[in-house]
């Protein structure tokens, strides 16, 4: 019993999550109670006939005590950490839009910072989702539950997805290392800009139809702000208001 108590106390000292610590604390209290009962049963008594009953009671307890040793097994702590991260993935991720970068002959590095995370940032909270021309950084913080995402692509050159890495520091700074597929290849930019499409008008085409095609092209190629502006202009036009075309 004393060995079991010490082992449970060692596991509690190594536990990281509050839930596991609480479970182990309950088991420690239960084992201490059993030890106390066992000591009371072994104490000398006035009569020799009254000693066996407490001894029999103590020996009958180990059967229910054996299942209580389950928290000692290392896999028991794994579902706690995994479930915490999994539940956080359901949170809406905040998009990271501010970052810096530099490059060497073998890799390109991206730098950004997570502010007001509410805890010390760890590399284990970060995951990479890479293809030869894109990279998405997912950051899922279990406590407090927050999520962040940085999407890069198309990249200025091809990368080796399996050789890329991400590292986070407690102060919130994050470094993403993108391993270049071709050593010595210098990227002109981290993210390649899509070429702008020039609208084409047919000779006999209705001018209003051509204008609609141009606006549609601006909507498809524009950023979120451009799309909101165009949608607002169309909404106001349908409501009989004069849209602010200059904002497009």
Protein backbone atom coordinates (compact mmCIF):
# COMPACT_ATOMS: atom_id res chain seq x y z
CA UNK A 1 0.00 0.00 0.00
CA UNK A 2 2.80 2.41 0.89
CA UNK A 3 4.44 1.72 -2.50
CA UNK A 4 1.16 2.41 -4.30
CA UNK A 5 0.73 5.68 -2.39
CA UNK A 6 4.24 6.83 -3.31
CA UNK A 7 3.70 5.91 -6.95
CA UNK A 8 0.43 7.86 -7.08
CA UNK A 9 2.11 10.86 -5.48
CA UNK A 10 4.91 10.70 -8.07
CA UNK A 11 2.37 10.64 -10.91
CA UNK A 12 0.52 13.61 -9.40
CA UNK A 13 3.78 15.59 -9.25
CA UNK A 14 4.34 14.89 -12.97
CA UNK A 15 0.75 15.63 -14.06
CA UNK A 16 0.21 18.84 -16.03
CA UNK A 17 -3.55 19.21 -16.42
CA UNK A 18 -5.91 20.11 -13.57
CA UNK A 19 -8.25 17.24 -14.36
CA UNK A 20 -5.54 14.58 -14.06
CA UNK A 21 -4.21 16.15 -10.87
CA UNK A 22 -7.73 16.12 -9.38
CA UNK A 23 -8.27 12.44 -10.27
CA UNK A 24 -4.92 11.43 -8.79
CA UNK A 25 -5.60 13.45 -5.63
CA UNK A 26 -8.85 11.51 -5.11
CA UNK A 27 -7.01 8.21 -5.54
CA UNK A 28 -4.29 9.28 -3.09
CA UNK A 29 -6.94 10.08 -0.47
CA UNK A 30 -8.58 6.68 -1.01
CA UNK A 31 -5.26 4.81 -0.63
CA UNK A 32 -4.41 6.80 2.50
CA UNK A 33 -7.78 5.77 3.99
CA UNK A 34 -7.05 2.11 3.22
CA UNK A 35 -3.61 2.40 4.85
CA UNK A 36 -5.20 3.95 7.93
CA UNK A 37 -7.74 1.12 8.13
CA UNK A 38 -4.99 -1.45 7.75
CA UNK A 39 -2.95 0.09 10.56
CA UNK A 40 -6.01 0.14 12.81
CA UNK A 41 -6.59 -3.54 12.05
CA UNK A 42 -3.00 -4.44 13.00
CA UNK A 43 -3.09 -2.54 16.34
CA UNK A 44 -3.07 -4.80 19.52
CA UNK A 45 -6.45 -5.48 21.05
CA UNK A 46 -7.54 -6.82 24.49
CA UNK A 47 -8.92 -10.07 23.06
CA UNK A 48 -7.45 -12.38 20.46
CA UNK A 49 -10.83 -13.26 18.96
CA UNK A 50 -11.68 -9.68 17.88
CA UNK A 51 -8.49 -9.20 15.79
CA UNK A 52 -9.45 -11.35 12.72
CA UNK A 53 -12.56 -9.36 11.64
CA UNK A 54 -10.68 -6.11 10.83
CA UNK A 55 -7.94 -8.16 9.14
CA UNK A 56 -10.52 -9.83 6.89
CA UNK A 57 -12.08 -6.43 6.09
CA UNK A 58 -8.71 -5.01 5.01
CA UNK A 59 -7.85 -7.97 2.78
CA UNK A 60 -11.20 -7.69 0.99
CA UNK A 61 -10.49 -4.07 -0.10
CA UNK A 62 -7.68 -4.57 -2.71
CA UNK A 63 -10.16 -5.82 -5.34
CA UNK A 64 -11.99 -2.47 -5.73
CA UNK A 65 -8.65 -0.67 -5.24
CA UNK A 66 -7.08 -2.20 -8.38
CA UNK A 67 -9.26 -0.32 -10.92
CA UNK A 68 -8.34 2.92 -9.12
CA UNK A 69 -4.75 2.48 -10.31
CA UNK A 70 -5.77 3.24 -13.92
CA UNK A 71 -4.67 6.94 -13.73
CA UNK A 72 -1.10 5.62 -13.24
CA UNK A 73 -1.02 4.48 -16.87
CA UNK A 74 0.57 7.12 -19.19
CA UNK A 75 -2.15 6.82 -21.89
CA UNK A 76 -4.72 8.12 -19.38
CA UNK A 77 -3.23 11.62 -19.61
CA UNK A 78 -3.28 11.68 -23.42
CA UNK A 79 -7.07 11.99 -24.01
CA UNK A 80 -7.17 15.03 -21.72
CA UNK A 81 -4.64 16.99 -23.79
CA UNK A 82 -6.03 15.82 -27.12
CA UNK A 83 -9.64 16.63 -26.23
CA UNK A 84 -8.64 20.11 -25.10
CA UNK A 85 -7.02 20.90 -28.43
CA UNK A 86 -9.78 19.21 -30.41
CA UNK A 87 -12.48 21.28 -28.74
CA UNK A 88 -10.48 24.45 -29.46
CA UNK A 89 -10.42 23.65 -33.18
CA UNK A 90 -14.14 24.31 -33.26
CA UNK A 91 -13.45 27.94 -32.34
CA UNK A 92 -13.39 30.57 -35.08
CA UNK A 93 -9.76 31.20 -36.01
CA UNK A 94 -8.46 34.76 -36.13
CA UNK A 95 -6.63 35.50 -39.38
CA UNK A 96 -3.05 36.70 -39.05
CA UNK A 97 -2.30 39.36 -41.67
CA UNK A 98 0.87 41.00 -40.33
CA UNK A 99 4.18 39.17 -40.69
CA UNK A 100 7.75 39.56 -41.90
CA UNK A 101 10.09 37.27 -43.77
CA UNK A 102 13.63 36.73 -44.98
CA UNK A 103 15.43 34.01 -46.89
CA UNK A 104 18.67 32.13 -47.28
CA UNK A 105 19.93 29.78 -49.96
CA UNK A 106 18.09 26.82 -48.45
CA UNK A 107 14.98 28.23 -46.76
CA UNK A 108 12.60 31.12 -46.26
CA UNK A 109 11.55 32.14 -42.77
CA UNK A 110 8.31 33.85 -41.76
CA UNK A 111 7.98 35.78 -38.50
CA UNK A 112 4.86 36.95 -36.66
CA UNK A 113 3.60 37.39 -33.11
CA UNK A 114 0.48 36.38 -31.22
CA UNK A 115 -0.61 39.14 -28.84
CA UNK A 116 -2.98 38.75 -25.89
CA UNK A 117 -2.96 34.96 -26.14
CA UNK A 118 -3.76 34.67 -22.45
CA UNK A 119 -1.01 32.14 -21.79
CA UNK A 120 2.55 31.24 -22.70
CA UNK A 121 2.66 30.08 -26.31
CA UNK A 122 4.10 26.62 -27.02
CA UNK A 123 5.26 24.95 -30.23
CA UNK A 124 2.92 22.03 -29.52
CA UNK A 125 -0.03 24.39 -30.10
CA UNK A 126 1.13 24.99 -33.71
CA UNK A 127 0.54 22.85 -36.79
CA UNK A 128 1.57 23.23 -40.43
CA UNK A 129 -0.49 22.29 -43.46
CA UNK A 130 1.83 22.58 -46.46
CA UNK A 131 1.87 21.79 -50.18
CA UNK A 132 4.73 22.57 -52.60
CA UNK A 133 3.25 26.05 -53.24
CA UNK A 134 1.22 26.88 -50.11
CA UNK A 135 1.56 26.87 -46.33
CA UNK A 136 -1.13 27.29 -43.66
CA UNK A 137 -0.19 27.75 -40.00
CA UNK A 138 -2.80 26.66 -37.44
CA UNK A 139 -2.42 27.72 -33.81
CA UNK A 140 -4.87 26.19 -31.34
CA UNK A 141 -4.54 27.32 -27.71
CA UNK A 142 -6.44 25.02 -25.31
CA UNK A 143 -6.66 27.34 -22.28
CA UNK A 144 -8.02 29.90 -22.82
CA UNK A 145 -9.61 28.56 -25.98
CA UNK A 146 -8.30 30.63 -28.88
CA UNK A 147 -7.38 29.86 -32.49
CA UNK A 148 -5.27 31.65 -35.06
CA UNK A 149 -4.43 31.01 -38.71
CA UNK A 150 -1.87 32.31 -41.23
CA UNK A 151 -2.38 31.34 -44.87
CA UNK A 152 0.47 31.81 -47.37
CA UNK A 153 0.20 31.09 -51.08
CA UNK A 154 0.95 30.84 -53.82
CA UNK A 155 4.52 31.02 -52.52
CA UNK A 156 7.35 32.68 -54.42
CA UNK A 157 8.92 29.26 -55.01
CA UNK A 158 8.33 25.58 -54.33
CA UNK A 159 8.98 24.09 -50.89
CA UNK A 160 9.45 20.65 -49.37
CA UNK A 161 6.32 20.23 -47.19
CA UNK A 162 7.76 17.46 -44.99
CA UNK A 163 10.88 19.51 -44.17
CA UNK A 164 9.07 22.65 -43.03
CA UNK A 165 8.80 23.49 -39.33
CA UNK A 166 7.19 25.94 -36.92
CA UNK A 167 8.52 27.09 -33.54
CA UNK A 168 6.78 29.24 -30.92
CA UNK A 169 8.18 31.03 -27.88
CA UNK A 170 6.41 31.81 -24.58
CA UNK A 171 6.36 35.53 -25.42
CA UNK A 172 4.08 34.84 -28.42
CA UNK A 173 6.65 35.07 -31.23
CA UNK A 174 6.37 32.42 -33.95
CA UNK A 175 8.91 31.41 -36.61
CA UNK A 176 7.96 29.29 -39.64
CA UNK A 177 10.80 27.73 -41.64
CA UNK A 178 9.94 26.86 -45.25
CA UNK A 179 12.53 24.52 -46.80
CA UNK A 180 13.14 25.44 -50.45
CA UNK A 181 12.79 22.68 -53.01
CA UNK A 182 15.73 24.16 -55.00
CA UNK A 183 18.77 25.30 -53.05
CA UNK A 184 20.09 28.69 -54.06
CA UNK A 185 16.81 29.74 -55.65
CA UNK A 186 16.15 33.36 -54.66
CA UNK A 187 12.49 34.30 -54.25
CA UNK A 188 11.43 37.71 -55.47
CA UNK A 189 8.56 37.73 -52.99
CA UNK A 190 7.16 35.44 -50.32
CA UNK A 191 3.69 35.28 -51.87
CA UNK A 192 3.26 35.65 -55.62
CA UNK A 193 0.65 38.14 -56.68
CA UNK A 194 -1.90 36.91 -59.19
CA UNK A 195 -1.74 38.82 -62.49
CA UNK A 196 -4.55 41.30 -62.94
CA UNK A 197 -7.12 40.42 -65.56
CA UNK A 198 -7.89 43.03 -68.18
CA UNK A 199 -11.59 43.05 -69.07
CA UNK A 200 -12.36 42.46 -72.74
CA UNK A 201 -15.33 44.12 -74.43
CA UNK A 202 -16.94 42.91 -77.60
CA UNK A 203 -17.62 45.44 -80.36
CA UNK A 204 -21.38 44.94 -80.38
CA UNK A 205 -21.69 44.27 -76.66
CA UNK A 206 -24.09 46.28 -74.55
CA UNK A 207 -22.01 48.82 -72.55
CA UNK A 208 -23.93 48.01 -69.35
CA UNK A 209 -23.18 44.29 -69.82
CA UNK A 210 -19.49 45.07 -70.28
CA UNK A 211 -19.54 47.15 -67.11
CA UNK A 212 -21.14 44.29 -65.21
CA UNK A 213 -18.37 41.94 -66.41
CA UNK A 214 -15.74 44.40 -65.24
CA UNK A 215 -17.37 44.75 -61.80
CA UNK A 216 -17.69 40.96 -61.57
CA UNK A 217 -13.99 40.62 -62.32
CA UNK A 218 -13.15 43.15 -59.62
CA UNK A 219 -15.31 41.23 -57.16
CA UNK A 220 -13.72 37.84 -57.97
CA UNK A 221 -10.13 39.13 -57.79
CA UNK A 222 -10.58 41.65 -54.97
CA UNK A 223 -9.87 41.24 -51.29
CA UNK A 224 -12.53 41.08 -48.55
CA UNK A 225 -12.78 44.88 -48.33
CA UNK A 226 -13.33 45.18 -52.10
CA UNK A 227 -16.04 42.51 -52.02
CA UNK A 228 -17.84 44.25 -49.14
CA UNK A 229 -17.72 47.58 -50.99
CA UNK A 230 -19.11 46.11 -54.22
CA UNK A 231 -21.85 44.22 -52.36
CA UNK A 232 -22.84 47.41 -50.53
CA UNK A 233 -22.99 49.35 -53.83
CA UNK A 234 -25.30 46.76 -55.40
CA UNK A 235 -27.50 46.68 -52.32
CA UNK A 236 -27.89 50.47 -52.26
CA UNK A 237 -28.60 50.46 -56.01
CA UNK A 238 -31.46 48.00 -55.52
CA UNK A 239 -32.81 50.09 -52.65
CA UNK A 240 -33.03 53.14 -54.91
CA UNK A 241 -30.01 54.88 -53.40
CA UNK A 242 -27.12 56.26 -55.42
CA UNK A 243 -24.18 53.92 -54.78
CA UNK A 244 -20.80 55.38 -53.87
CA UNK A 245 -18.89 54.14 -56.92
CA UNK A 246 -15.82 56.10 -55.90
CA UNK A 247 -15.32 53.72 -52.98
CA UNK A 248 -14.78 50.78 -55.34
